């Protein structure tokens, strides 16, 4: 029987993932068009390329994690060693240079998006597959998934509520970059906590 502490610790990982996912969903296109100055069709294309790749890399990551052999476990190893690169990729998304040509900004935005969605899948897919590894008890699994859903919703609200943090700064760019650093630290903490549970 897993302790409530372990169930909550594991579920915190979903909170961190939801914060990053919905922050990118809420703000990234706006950031590209209104702050970076990228043409809307290029901003949309950069985002689309990242999402298209995400639809491919999720099944790939599932196959890779299922075949992983590690002393840290097949799934946890990705949370332990993927958390820092994932947090860094989240910060990178908000560091696109304001100077430069449209093509240079587009390339930077596309690469940042591709790196982010790749590392997001590297964490998310093994993380979601951890529940059956943690327990075989049906009721316990249901309880873990319920706690995870609650914390995921809270993460979504925090990601969307980042607007309040951003708007408290004189410069939106500074606000977005501070938000990225704060959320990246939170990501690290939640993913490491989930890996330890």
N, C-alpha and C. Protein backbone atom coordinates (compact mmCIF):
# COMPACT_ATOMS: atom_id res chain seq x y z
N UNK A 1 0.84 -1.19 0.00
CA UNK A 1 0.00 0.00 0.00
C UNK A 1 0.89 1.25 0.00
N UNK A 2 0.67 2.14 -0.97
CA UNK A 2 1.44 3.37 -1.07
C UNK A 2 0.90 4.41 -0.09
N UNK A 3 1.81 5.19 0.48
CA UNK A 3 1.39 6.26 1.38
C UNK A 3 0.78 7.41 0.58
N UNK A 4 -0.03 8.20 1.26
CA UNK A 4 -0.62 9.38 0.62
C UNK A 4 0.48 10.34 0.16
N UNK A 5 1.54 10.42 0.94
CA UNK A 5 2.67 11.28 0.59
C UNK A 5 3.27 10.88 -0.76
N UNK A 6 3.44 9.57 -0.97
CA UNK A 6 3.99 9.08 -2.24
C UNK A 6 3.04 9.38 -3.40
N UNK A 7 1.76 9.21 -3.17
CA UNK A 7 0.77 9.46 -4.22
C UNK A 7 0.77 10.94 -4.62
N UNK A 8 0.83 11.81 -3.63
CA UNK A 8 0.85 13.25 -3.91
C UNK A 8 2.18 13.63 -4.56
N UNK A 9 3.28 13.05 -4.05
CA UNK A 9 4.60 13.33 -4.62
C UNK A 9 4.65 12.98 -6.10
N UNK A 10 4.15 11.80 -6.45
CA UNK A 10 4.11 11.41 -7.86
C UNK A 10 3.21 12.37 -8.65
N UNK A 11 2.06 12.70 -8.11
CA UNK A 11 1.08 13.53 -8.82
C UNK A 11 1.55 14.96 -9.05
N UNK A 12 2.48 15.44 -8.23
CA UNK A 12 3.03 16.78 -8.43
C UNK A 12 3.69 16.92 -9.79
N UNK A 13 4.20 15.81 -10.32
CA UNK A 13 4.82 15.85 -11.64
C UNK A 13 3.85 16.34 -12.70
N UNK A 14 2.59 15.94 -12.60
CA UNK A 14 1.59 16.37 -13.57
C UNK A 14 1.31 17.86 -13.44
N UNK A 15 1.40 18.37 -12.22
CA UNK A 15 1.19 19.80 -12.00
C UNK A 15 2.25 20.62 -12.75
N UNK A 16 3.51 20.22 -12.61
CA UNK A 16 4.60 20.91 -13.32
C UNK A 16 4.46 20.81 -14.82
N UNK A 17 4.10 19.63 -15.32
CA UNK A 17 3.92 19.45 -16.76
C UNK A 17 2.77 20.31 -17.28
N UNK A 18 1.68 20.38 -16.52
CA UNK A 18 0.53 21.18 -16.94
C UNK A 18 0.86 22.67 -16.97
N UNK A 19 1.62 23.12 -15.98
CA UNK A 19 2.02 24.53 -15.97
C UNK A 19 2.77 24.87 -17.25
N UNK A 20 3.75 24.06 -17.60
CA UNK A 20 4.55 24.38 -18.79
C UNK A 20 3.70 24.28 -20.06
N UNK A 21 2.90 23.24 -20.15
CA UNK A 21 2.10 23.01 -21.37
C UNK A 21 1.12 24.16 -21.62
N UNK A 22 0.42 24.56 -20.58
CA UNK A 22 -0.59 25.60 -20.77
C UNK A 22 0.01 27.00 -20.84
N UNK A 23 1.16 27.21 -20.22
CA UNK A 23 1.84 28.49 -20.39
C UNK A 23 2.26 28.67 -21.84
N UNK A 24 2.82 27.62 -22.42
CA UNK A 24 3.20 27.67 -23.83
C UNK A 24 1.96 27.87 -24.69
N UNK A 25 0.90 27.12 -24.40
CA UNK A 25 -0.34 27.25 -25.17
C UNK A 25 -0.97 28.62 -25.07
N UNK A 26 -0.93 29.24 -23.90
CA UNK A 26 -1.54 30.55 -23.69
C UNK A 26 -0.70 31.70 -24.24
N UNK A 27 0.63 31.61 -24.11
CA UNK A 27 1.46 32.78 -24.33
C UNK A 27 2.43 32.73 -25.51
N UNK A 28 2.80 31.54 -25.99
CA UNK A 28 3.92 31.47 -26.93
C UNK A 28 3.64 32.19 -28.25
N UNK A 29 2.49 31.99 -28.85
CA UNK A 29 2.18 32.68 -30.11
C UNK A 29 2.13 34.19 -29.90
N UNK A 30 1.50 34.62 -28.81
CA UNK A 30 1.46 36.06 -28.49
C UNK A 30 2.88 36.61 -28.32
N UNK A 31 3.70 35.86 -27.60
CA UNK A 31 5.10 36.27 -27.40
C UNK A 31 5.82 36.42 -28.73
N UNK A 32 5.64 35.45 -29.62
CA UNK A 32 6.32 35.50 -30.92
C UNK A 32 5.85 36.69 -31.77
N UNK A 33 4.55 36.94 -31.80
CA UNK A 33 4.03 38.00 -32.67
C UNK A 33 4.17 39.39 -32.06
N UNK A 34 3.78 39.55 -30.80
CA UNK A 34 3.69 40.88 -30.22
C UNK A 34 4.95 41.36 -29.52
N UNK A 35 5.81 40.44 -29.12
CA UNK A 35 7.03 40.85 -28.42
C UNK A 35 8.27 40.62 -29.30
N UNK A 36 8.39 39.43 -29.86
CA UNK A 36 9.54 39.14 -30.73
C UNK A 36 9.39 39.85 -32.08
N UNK A 37 8.14 40.07 -32.52
CA UNK A 37 7.90 40.74 -33.79
C UNK A 37 7.90 39.82 -34.99
N UNK A 38 7.65 38.53 -34.74
CA UNK A 38 7.59 37.56 -35.84
C UNK A 38 6.24 37.69 -36.54
N UNK A 39 6.27 37.59 -37.87
CA UNK A 39 5.03 37.64 -38.64
C UNK A 39 4.10 36.52 -38.17
N UNK A 40 2.79 36.79 -38.06
CA UNK A 40 1.86 35.79 -37.53
C UNK A 40 1.91 34.45 -38.26
N UNK A 41 2.06 34.47 -39.58
CA UNK A 41 2.07 33.18 -40.30
C UNK A 41 3.33 32.38 -39.96
N UNK A 42 4.45 33.06 -39.69
CA UNK A 42 5.68 32.36 -39.31
C UNK A 42 5.58 31.85 -37.87
N UNK A 43 4.97 32.64 -37.00
CA UNK A 43 4.76 32.20 -35.62
C UNK A 43 3.87 30.96 -35.59
N UNK A 44 2.78 31.00 -36.35
CA UNK A 44 1.88 29.86 -36.43
C UNK A 44 2.56 28.63 -37.01
N UNK A 45 3.41 28.85 -38.02
CA UNK A 45 4.12 27.73 -38.65
C UNK A 45 5.12 27.11 -37.67
N UNK A 46 5.84 27.93 -36.93
CA UNK A 46 6.80 27.41 -35.94
C UNK A 46 6.06 26.56 -34.90
N UNK A 47 4.92 27.05 -34.44
CA UNK A 47 4.13 26.32 -33.45
C UNK A 47 3.59 25.02 -34.06
N UNK A 48 3.10 25.10 -35.29
CA UNK A 48 2.56 23.92 -35.98
C UNK A 48 3.62 22.84 -36.16
N UNK A 49 4.82 23.24 -36.56
CA UNK A 49 5.90 22.27 -36.77
C UNK A 49 6.19 21.54 -35.46
N UNK A 50 6.23 22.29 -34.36
CA UNK A 50 6.46 21.66 -33.06
C UNK A 50 5.36 20.68 -32.69
N UNK A 51 4.11 21.06 -32.91
CA UNK A 51 2.98 20.19 -32.57
C UNK A 51 2.94 18.96 -33.48
N UNK A 52 3.31 19.15 -34.76
CA UNK A 52 3.34 18.01 -35.69
C UNK A 52 4.40 17.00 -35.24
N UNK A 53 5.56 17.50 -34.85
CA UNK A 53 6.62 16.62 -34.36
C UNK A 53 6.18 15.92 -33.08
N UNK A 54 5.45 16.62 -32.23
CA UNK A 54 4.98 16.05 -30.97
C UNK A 54 4.09 14.84 -31.22
N UNK A 55 3.31 14.87 -32.28
CA UNK A 55 2.42 13.74 -32.58
C UNK A 55 3.22 12.51 -33.01
N UNK A 56 4.44 12.72 -33.48
CA UNK A 56 5.30 11.61 -33.90
C UNK A 56 6.16 11.11 -32.74
N UNK A 57 6.69 12.06 -31.96
CA UNK A 57 7.66 11.64 -30.95
C UNK A 57 7.04 10.98 -29.72
N UNK A 58 5.75 11.19 -29.46
CA UNK A 58 5.13 10.52 -28.31
C UNK A 58 5.17 8.99 -28.45
N UNK A 59 4.71 8.43 -29.58
CA UNK A 59 4.80 6.96 -29.71
C UNK A 59 6.25 6.46 -29.72
N UNK A 60 7.15 7.25 -30.31
CA UNK A 60 8.56 6.86 -30.30
C UNK A 60 9.10 6.79 -28.87
N UNK A 61 8.75 7.78 -28.08
CA UNK A 61 9.22 7.81 -26.69
C UNK A 61 8.63 6.65 -25.90
N UNK A 62 7.39 6.29 -26.19
CA UNK A 62 6.78 5.14 -25.53
C UNK A 62 7.55 3.86 -25.81
N UNK A 63 7.91 3.67 -27.08
CA UNK A 63 8.67 2.47 -27.48
C UNK A 63 10.06 2.48 -26.84
N UNK A 64 10.69 3.65 -26.80
CA UNK A 64 12.03 3.74 -26.22
C UNK A 64 11.99 3.46 -24.72
N UNK A 65 11.04 4.08 -24.02
CA UNK A 65 11.00 3.88 -22.56
C UNK A 65 10.64 2.45 -22.19
N UNK A 66 9.83 1.79 -23.02
CA UNK A 66 9.49 0.38 -22.75
C UNK A 66 10.69 -0.54 -22.88
N UNK A 67 11.67 -0.13 -23.69
CA UNK A 67 12.86 -0.96 -23.92
C UNK A 67 14.06 -0.52 -23.07
N UNK A 68 13.87 0.48 -22.26
CA UNK A 68 14.97 1.01 -21.45
C UNK A 68 15.32 0.07 -20.31
N UNK A 69 16.62 -0.12 -20.12
CA UNK A 69 17.12 -0.89 -18.98
C UNK A 69 18.02 0.06 -18.19
N UNK A 70 17.68 0.28 -16.94
CA UNK A 70 18.45 1.20 -16.11
C UNK A 70 18.32 0.83 -14.65
N UNK A 71 19.35 1.12 -13.87
CA UNK A 71 19.28 0.83 -12.43
C UNK A 71 18.29 1.76 -11.74
N UNK A 72 17.88 2.85 -12.43
CA UNK A 72 16.89 3.78 -11.87
C UNK A 72 15.46 3.40 -12.26
N UNK A 73 15.32 2.35 -13.07
CA UNK A 73 14.00 1.93 -13.54
C UNK A 73 13.76 2.40 -14.96
N UNK A 74 12.87 1.71 -15.66
CA UNK A 74 12.60 2.04 -17.07
C UNK A 74 11.97 3.40 -17.26
N UNK A 75 11.21 3.87 -16.31
CA UNK A 75 10.47 5.13 -16.45
C UNK A 75 11.10 6.27 -15.66
N UNK A 76 11.46 6.00 -14.42
CA UNK A 76 11.98 7.06 -13.54
C UNK A 76 13.26 7.69 -14.05
N UNK A 77 14.05 6.92 -14.76
CA UNK A 77 15.32 7.44 -15.27
C UNK A 77 15.10 8.68 -16.14
N UNK A 78 13.99 8.72 -16.85
CA UNK A 78 13.71 9.87 -17.73
C UNK A 78 13.31 11.11 -16.93
N UNK A 79 12.63 10.90 -15.82
CA UNK A 79 12.29 12.04 -14.97
C UNK A 79 13.54 12.58 -14.27
N UNK A 80 14.37 11.67 -13.80
CA UNK A 80 15.58 12.08 -13.08
C UNK A 80 16.55 12.86 -13.97
N UNK A 81 16.80 12.32 -15.16
CA UNK A 81 17.81 12.92 -16.03
C UNK A 81 17.23 13.83 -17.11
N UNK A 82 15.91 13.82 -17.25
CA UNK A 82 15.28 14.69 -18.24
C UNK A 82 14.75 15.99 -17.67
N UNK A 83 14.62 16.06 -16.33
CA UNK A 83 14.00 17.24 -15.71
C UNK A 83 14.80 18.52 -15.97
N UNK A 84 16.11 18.48 -15.81
CA UNK A 84 16.92 19.69 -16.00
C UNK A 84 16.92 20.15 -17.46
N UNK A 85 17.16 19.26 -18.44
CA UNK A 85 17.08 19.71 -19.83
C UNK A 85 15.68 20.22 -20.21
N UNK A 86 14.64 19.57 -19.66
CA UNK A 86 13.28 20.01 -19.94
C UNK A 86 13.03 21.41 -19.41
N UNK A 87 13.44 21.67 -18.17
CA UNK A 87 13.28 23.00 -17.58
C UNK A 87 14.07 24.03 -18.39
N UNK A 88 15.28 23.67 -18.82
CA UNK A 88 16.10 24.59 -19.62
C UNK A 88 15.43 24.88 -20.97
N UNK A 89 14.81 23.86 -21.57
CA UNK A 89 14.14 24.07 -22.85
C UNK A 89 12.94 25.01 -22.71
N UNK A 90 12.28 24.95 -21.55
CA UNK A 90 11.16 25.85 -21.30
C UNK A 90 11.65 27.30 -21.23
N UNK A 91 12.77 27.53 -20.55
CA UNK A 91 13.35 28.87 -20.47
C UNK A 91 13.79 29.35 -21.85
N UNK A 92 14.41 28.46 -22.62
CA UNK A 92 14.89 28.80 -23.96
C UNK A 92 13.79 29.35 -24.85
N UNK A 93 12.57 28.86 -24.68
CA UNK A 93 11.46 29.31 -25.52
C UNK A 93 11.21 30.80 -25.38
N UNK A 94 11.55 31.37 -24.24
CA UNK A 94 11.27 32.78 -23.96
C UNK A 94 12.52 33.65 -24.11
N UNK A 95 13.56 33.09 -24.74
CA UNK A 95 14.82 33.83 -24.92
C UNK A 95 15.12 34.09 -26.40
N UNK A 96 14.12 34.05 -27.23
CA UNK A 96 14.32 34.31 -28.66
C UNK A 96 14.78 35.76 -28.84
N UNK A 97 15.87 35.97 -29.57
CA UNK A 97 16.38 37.34 -29.73
C UNK A 97 15.39 38.24 -30.47
N UNK A 98 15.29 39.47 -30.00
CA UNK A 98 14.37 40.43 -30.62
C UNK A 98 14.96 41.02 -31.88
N UNK A 99 16.28 41.05 -31.98
CA UNK A 99 16.94 41.55 -33.17
C UNK A 99 17.11 40.42 -34.18
N UNK A 100 17.28 40.79 -35.41
CA UNK A 100 17.50 39.78 -36.44
C UNK A 100 16.35 39.74 -37.42
N UNK A 101 16.59 39.02 -38.49
CA UNK A 101 15.60 38.93 -39.57
C UNK A 101 14.44 38.03 -39.16
N UNK A 102 13.37 38.11 -39.95
CA UNK A 102 12.22 37.24 -39.72
C UNK A 102 12.63 35.76 -39.82
N UNK A 103 13.49 35.44 -40.78
CA UNK A 103 13.91 34.05 -40.96
C UNK A 103 14.70 33.56 -39.75
N UNK A 104 15.60 34.40 -39.24
CA UNK A 104 16.40 34.03 -38.08
C UNK A 104 15.50 33.80 -36.86
N UNK A 105 14.54 34.69 -36.64
CA UNK A 105 13.60 34.54 -35.52
C UNK A 105 12.75 33.28 -35.70
N UNK A 106 12.32 33.04 -36.93
CA UNK A 106 11.52 31.84 -37.22
C UNK A 106 12.31 30.57 -36.92
N UNK A 107 13.57 30.54 -37.36
CA UNK A 107 14.41 29.36 -37.12
C UNK A 107 14.60 29.15 -35.62
N UNK A 108 14.89 30.22 -34.92
CA UNK A 108 15.09 30.12 -33.47
C UNK A 108 13.81 29.63 -32.79
N UNK A 109 12.67 30.20 -33.18
CA UNK A 109 11.38 29.81 -32.58
C UNK A 109 11.07 28.34 -32.87
N UNK A 110 11.33 27.92 -34.09
CA UNK A 110 11.04 26.53 -34.48
C UNK A 110 11.93 25.56 -33.72
N UNK A 111 13.23 25.87 -33.65
CA UNK A 111 14.16 25.00 -32.92
C UNK A 111 13.78 24.95 -31.44
N UNK A 112 13.46 26.11 -30.85
CA UNK A 112 13.07 26.14 -29.45
C UNK A 112 11.82 25.29 -29.21
N UNK A 113 10.86 25.39 -30.13
CA UNK A 113 9.62 24.61 -30.00
C UNK A 113 9.91 23.10 -30.15
N UNK A 114 10.75 22.74 -31.11
CA UNK A 114 11.08 21.33 -31.32
C UNK A 114 11.81 20.73 -30.12
N UNK A 115 12.76 21.49 -29.57
CA UNK A 115 13.49 21.00 -28.40
C UNK A 115 12.53 20.84 -27.23
N UNK A 116 11.67 21.84 -27.03
CA UNK A 116 10.72 21.79 -25.92
C UNK A 116 9.78 20.58 -26.04
N UNK A 117 9.14 20.39 -27.19
CA UNK A 117 8.17 19.28 -27.31
C UNK A 117 8.86 17.92 -27.23
N UNK A 118 10.11 17.84 -27.70
CA UNK A 118 10.85 16.58 -27.60
C UNK A 118 11.10 16.25 -26.14
N UNK A 119 11.58 17.23 -25.38
CA UNK A 119 11.87 16.99 -23.97
C UNK A 119 10.59 16.85 -23.14
N UNK A 120 9.53 17.52 -23.56
CA UNK A 120 8.22 17.35 -22.90
C UNK A 120 7.79 15.88 -23.02
N UNK A 121 7.91 15.31 -24.21
CA UNK A 121 7.54 13.90 -24.41
C UNK A 121 8.48 12.97 -23.65
N UNK A 122 9.75 13.34 -23.58
CA UNK A 122 10.73 12.53 -22.87
C UNK A 122 10.35 12.37 -21.40
N UNK A 123 9.71 13.40 -20.85
CA UNK A 123 9.25 13.35 -19.45
C UNK A 123 7.84 12.78 -19.36
N UNK A 124 6.93 13.31 -20.18
CA UNK A 124 5.51 12.99 -20.05
C UNK A 124 5.18 11.52 -20.27
N UNK A 125 5.70 10.95 -21.34
CA UNK A 125 5.31 9.58 -21.69
C UNK A 125 5.73 8.58 -20.60
N UNK A 126 6.99 8.58 -20.16
CA UNK A 126 7.35 7.67 -19.06
C UNK A 126 6.62 8.01 -17.76
N UNK A 127 6.40 9.30 -17.52
CA UNK A 127 5.69 9.71 -16.30
C UNK A 127 4.29 9.11 -16.25
N UNK A 128 3.55 9.23 -17.35
CA UNK A 128 2.18 8.70 -17.39
C UNK A 128 2.15 7.18 -17.25
N UNK A 129 3.22 6.54 -17.70
CA UNK A 129 3.26 5.07 -17.64
C UNK A 129 3.73 4.55 -16.28
N UNK A 130 4.02 5.44 -15.34
CA UNK A 130 4.52 5.01 -14.03
C UNK A 130 3.45 4.40 -13.13
N UNK A 131 2.19 4.80 -13.29
CA UNK A 131 1.14 4.34 -12.36
C UNK A 131 1.07 2.81 -12.30
N UNK A 132 1.02 2.09 -13.42
CA UNK A 132 0.97 0.62 -13.31
C UNK A 132 2.25 0.01 -12.72
N UNK A 133 3.35 0.76 -12.83
CA UNK A 133 4.61 0.28 -12.25
C UNK A 133 4.59 0.46 -10.74
N UNK A 134 3.92 1.54 -10.28
CA UNK A 134 3.89 1.86 -8.85
C UNK A 134 3.02 0.89 -8.05
N UNK A 135 1.89 0.47 -8.63
CA UNK A 135 0.97 -0.42 -7.91
C UNK A 135 0.12 -1.23 -8.88
N UNK A 136 -0.23 -2.42 -8.45
CA UNK A 136 -1.14 -3.25 -9.26
C UNK A 136 -2.57 -3.19 -8.72
N UNK A 137 -2.74 -2.51 -7.59
CA UNK A 137 -4.06 -2.42 -6.96
C UNK A 137 -4.94 -1.42 -7.71
N UNK A 138 -6.11 -1.89 -8.15
CA UNK A 138 -7.03 -1.06 -8.94
C UNK A 138 -7.45 0.20 -8.20
N UNK A 139 -7.82 0.05 -6.93
CA UNK A 139 -8.29 1.20 -6.15
C UNK A 139 -7.18 2.23 -5.94
N UNK A 140 -5.98 1.72 -5.71
CA UNK A 140 -4.85 2.63 -5.53
C UNK A 140 -4.55 3.40 -6.82
N UNK A 141 -4.61 2.71 -7.93
CA UNK A 141 -4.38 3.37 -9.23
C UNK A 141 -5.42 4.48 -9.45
N UNK A 142 -6.67 4.16 -9.14
CA UNK A 142 -7.74 5.14 -9.30
C UNK A 142 -7.50 6.36 -8.42
N UNK A 143 -7.07 6.12 -7.19
CA UNK A 143 -6.79 7.22 -6.27
C UNK A 143 -5.63 8.08 -6.78
N UNK A 144 -4.58 7.45 -7.26
CA UNK A 144 -3.42 8.18 -7.80
C UNK A 144 -3.84 9.03 -8.99
N UNK A 145 -4.61 8.46 -9.89
CA UNK A 145 -5.05 9.20 -11.08
C UNK A 145 -5.96 10.36 -10.69
N UNK A 146 -6.78 10.17 -9.66
CA UNK A 146 -7.64 11.26 -9.18
C UNK A 146 -6.82 12.41 -8.60
N UNK A 147 -5.82 12.09 -7.79
CA UNK A 147 -4.95 13.13 -7.22
C UNK A 147 -4.19 13.83 -8.34
N UNK A 148 -3.72 13.04 -9.28
CA UNK A 148 -2.98 13.61 -10.42
C UNK A 148 -3.86 14.56 -11.22
N UNK A 149 -5.12 14.22 -11.42
CA UNK A 149 -6.05 15.07 -12.17
C UNK A 149 -6.29 16.40 -11.45
N UNK A 150 -6.41 16.33 -10.12
CA UNK A 150 -6.61 17.57 -9.34
C UNK A 150 -5.40 18.48 -9.47
N UNK A 151 -4.20 17.92 -9.31
CA UNK A 151 -2.98 18.74 -9.39
C UNK A 151 -2.72 19.22 -10.81
N UNK A 152 -3.11 18.42 -11.79
CA UNK A 152 -2.98 18.85 -13.18
C UNK A 152 -3.86 20.07 -13.45
N UNK A 153 -5.09 20.04 -12.93
CA UNK A 153 -6.00 21.18 -13.08
C UNK A 153 -5.44 22.42 -12.41
N UNK A 154 -4.87 22.24 -11.24
CA UNK A 154 -4.24 23.36 -10.53
C UNK A 154 -3.07 23.92 -11.35
N UNK A 155 -2.29 23.03 -11.97
CA UNK A 155 -1.19 23.46 -12.83
C UNK A 155 -1.68 24.24 -14.03
N UNK A 156 -2.79 23.81 -14.60
CA UNK A 156 -3.40 24.52 -15.72
C UNK A 156 -3.81 25.93 -15.31
N UNK A 157 -4.43 26.04 -14.15
CA UNK A 157 -4.84 27.36 -13.65
C UNK A 157 -3.64 28.26 -13.38
N UNK A 158 -2.58 27.69 -12.83
CA UNK A 158 -1.37 28.47 -12.58
C UNK A 158 -0.72 28.91 -13.88
N UNK A 159 -0.69 28.01 -14.87
CA UNK A 159 -0.14 28.36 -16.18
C UNK A 159 -0.91 29.48 -16.83
N UNK A 160 -2.22 29.41 -16.79
CA UNK A 160 -3.06 30.47 -17.34
C UNK A 160 -2.99 31.73 -16.51
N UNK A 161 -2.85 31.57 -15.19
CA UNK A 161 -2.78 32.72 -14.29
C UNK A 161 -1.45 33.45 -14.34
N UNK A 162 -0.52 32.93 -15.13
CA UNK A 162 0.78 33.60 -15.27
C UNK A 162 0.61 35.01 -15.81
N UNK A 163 -0.54 35.28 -16.43
CA UNK A 163 -0.80 36.63 -16.96
C UNK A 163 -0.70 37.66 -15.86
N UNK A 164 -1.13 37.29 -14.66
CA UNK A 164 -1.06 38.24 -13.54
C UNK A 164 0.39 38.55 -13.18
N UNK A 165 1.23 37.51 -13.22
CA UNK A 165 2.65 37.72 -12.95
C UNK A 165 3.28 38.58 -14.04
N UNK A 166 2.98 38.26 -15.29
CA UNK A 166 3.55 38.98 -16.42
C UNK A 166 3.12 40.45 -16.40
N UNK A 167 1.85 40.70 -16.11
CA UNK A 167 1.32 42.07 -16.16
C UNK A 167 1.80 42.93 -14.99
N UNK A 168 2.40 42.31 -13.98
CA UNK A 168 2.90 43.09 -12.85
C UNK A 168 4.25 43.75 -13.16
N UNK A 169 4.84 43.40 -14.29
CA UNK A 169 6.12 44.00 -14.70
C UNK A 169 5.88 45.14 -15.68
N UNK A 170 6.79 46.10 -15.65
CA UNK A 170 6.69 47.21 -16.59
C UNK A 170 6.88 46.73 -18.03
N UNK A 171 7.77 45.76 -18.20
CA UNK A 171 8.05 45.19 -19.52
C UNK A 171 7.47 43.78 -19.59
N UNK A 172 6.66 43.51 -20.61
CA UNK A 172 6.10 42.16 -20.78
C UNK A 172 7.20 41.14 -21.01
N UNK A 173 8.24 41.55 -21.73
CA UNK A 173 9.34 40.64 -22.00
C UNK A 173 10.01 40.21 -20.70
N UNK A 174 10.28 41.17 -19.83
CA UNK A 174 10.87 40.85 -18.53
C UNK A 174 9.92 39.96 -17.74
N UNK A 175 8.64 40.27 -17.76
CA UNK A 175 7.65 39.46 -17.05
C UNK A 175 7.63 38.03 -17.54
N UNK A 176 7.65 37.84 -18.86
CA UNK A 176 7.63 36.49 -19.42
C UNK A 176 8.90 35.72 -19.05
N UNK A 177 10.03 36.41 -19.06
CA UNK A 177 11.29 35.73 -18.75
C UNK A 177 11.40 35.39 -17.26
N UNK A 178 10.89 36.25 -16.41
CA UNK A 178 10.85 35.93 -14.98
C UNK A 178 9.91 34.75 -14.74
N UNK A 179 8.74 34.78 -15.40
CA UNK A 179 7.79 33.68 -15.31
C UNK A 179 8.45 32.38 -15.74
N UNK A 180 9.21 32.43 -16.84
CA UNK A 180 9.87 31.22 -17.35
C UNK A 180 10.86 30.66 -16.33
N UNK A 181 11.63 31.53 -15.70
CA UNK A 181 12.60 31.06 -14.71
C UNK A 181 11.91 30.49 -13.47
N UNK A 182 10.87 31.17 -12.99
CA UNK A 182 10.14 30.69 -11.81
C UNK A 182 9.49 29.34 -12.11
N UNK A 183 8.84 29.23 -13.25
CA UNK A 183 8.18 27.98 -13.61
C UNK A 183 9.19 26.87 -13.87
N UNK A 184 10.36 27.21 -14.44
CA UNK A 184 11.39 26.20 -14.69
C UNK A 184 11.90 25.60 -13.38
N UNK A 185 12.08 26.45 -12.38
CA UNK A 185 12.50 25.95 -11.06
C UNK A 185 11.41 25.05 -10.49
N UNK A 186 10.16 25.47 -10.64
CA UNK A 186 9.04 24.66 -10.17
C UNK A 186 8.98 23.32 -10.90
N UNK A 187 9.25 23.34 -12.21
CA UNK A 187 9.28 22.11 -13.00
C UNK A 187 10.32 21.14 -12.45
N UNK A 188 11.50 21.66 -12.19
CA UNK A 188 12.57 20.82 -11.65
C UNK A 188 12.14 20.16 -10.34
N UNK A 189 11.58 20.95 -9.45
CA UNK A 189 11.17 20.44 -8.15
C UNK A 189 10.09 19.37 -8.29
N UNK A 190 9.07 19.65 -9.12
CA UNK A 190 7.96 18.70 -9.23
C UNK A 190 8.38 17.41 -9.92
N UNK A 191 9.22 17.50 -10.95
CA UNK A 191 9.62 16.27 -11.66
C UNK A 191 10.57 15.43 -10.81
N UNK A 192 11.48 16.08 -10.08
CA UNK A 192 12.34 15.33 -9.17
C UNK A 192 11.54 14.68 -8.05
N UNK A 193 10.54 15.40 -7.55
CA UNK A 193 9.68 14.85 -6.50
C UNK A 193 8.92 13.63 -7.03
N UNK A 194 8.39 13.74 -8.24
CA UNK A 194 7.66 12.62 -8.85
C UNK A 194 8.59 11.42 -9.05
N UNK A 195 9.82 11.68 -9.46
CA UNK A 195 10.77 10.59 -9.69
C UNK A 195 11.15 9.87 -8.39
N UNK A 196 11.16 10.61 -7.29
CA UNK A 196 11.53 10.03 -6.00
C UNK A 196 10.39 9.25 -5.34
N UNK A 197 9.16 9.45 -5.82
CA UNK A 197 7.98 8.83 -5.17
C UNK A 197 7.82 7.38 -5.55
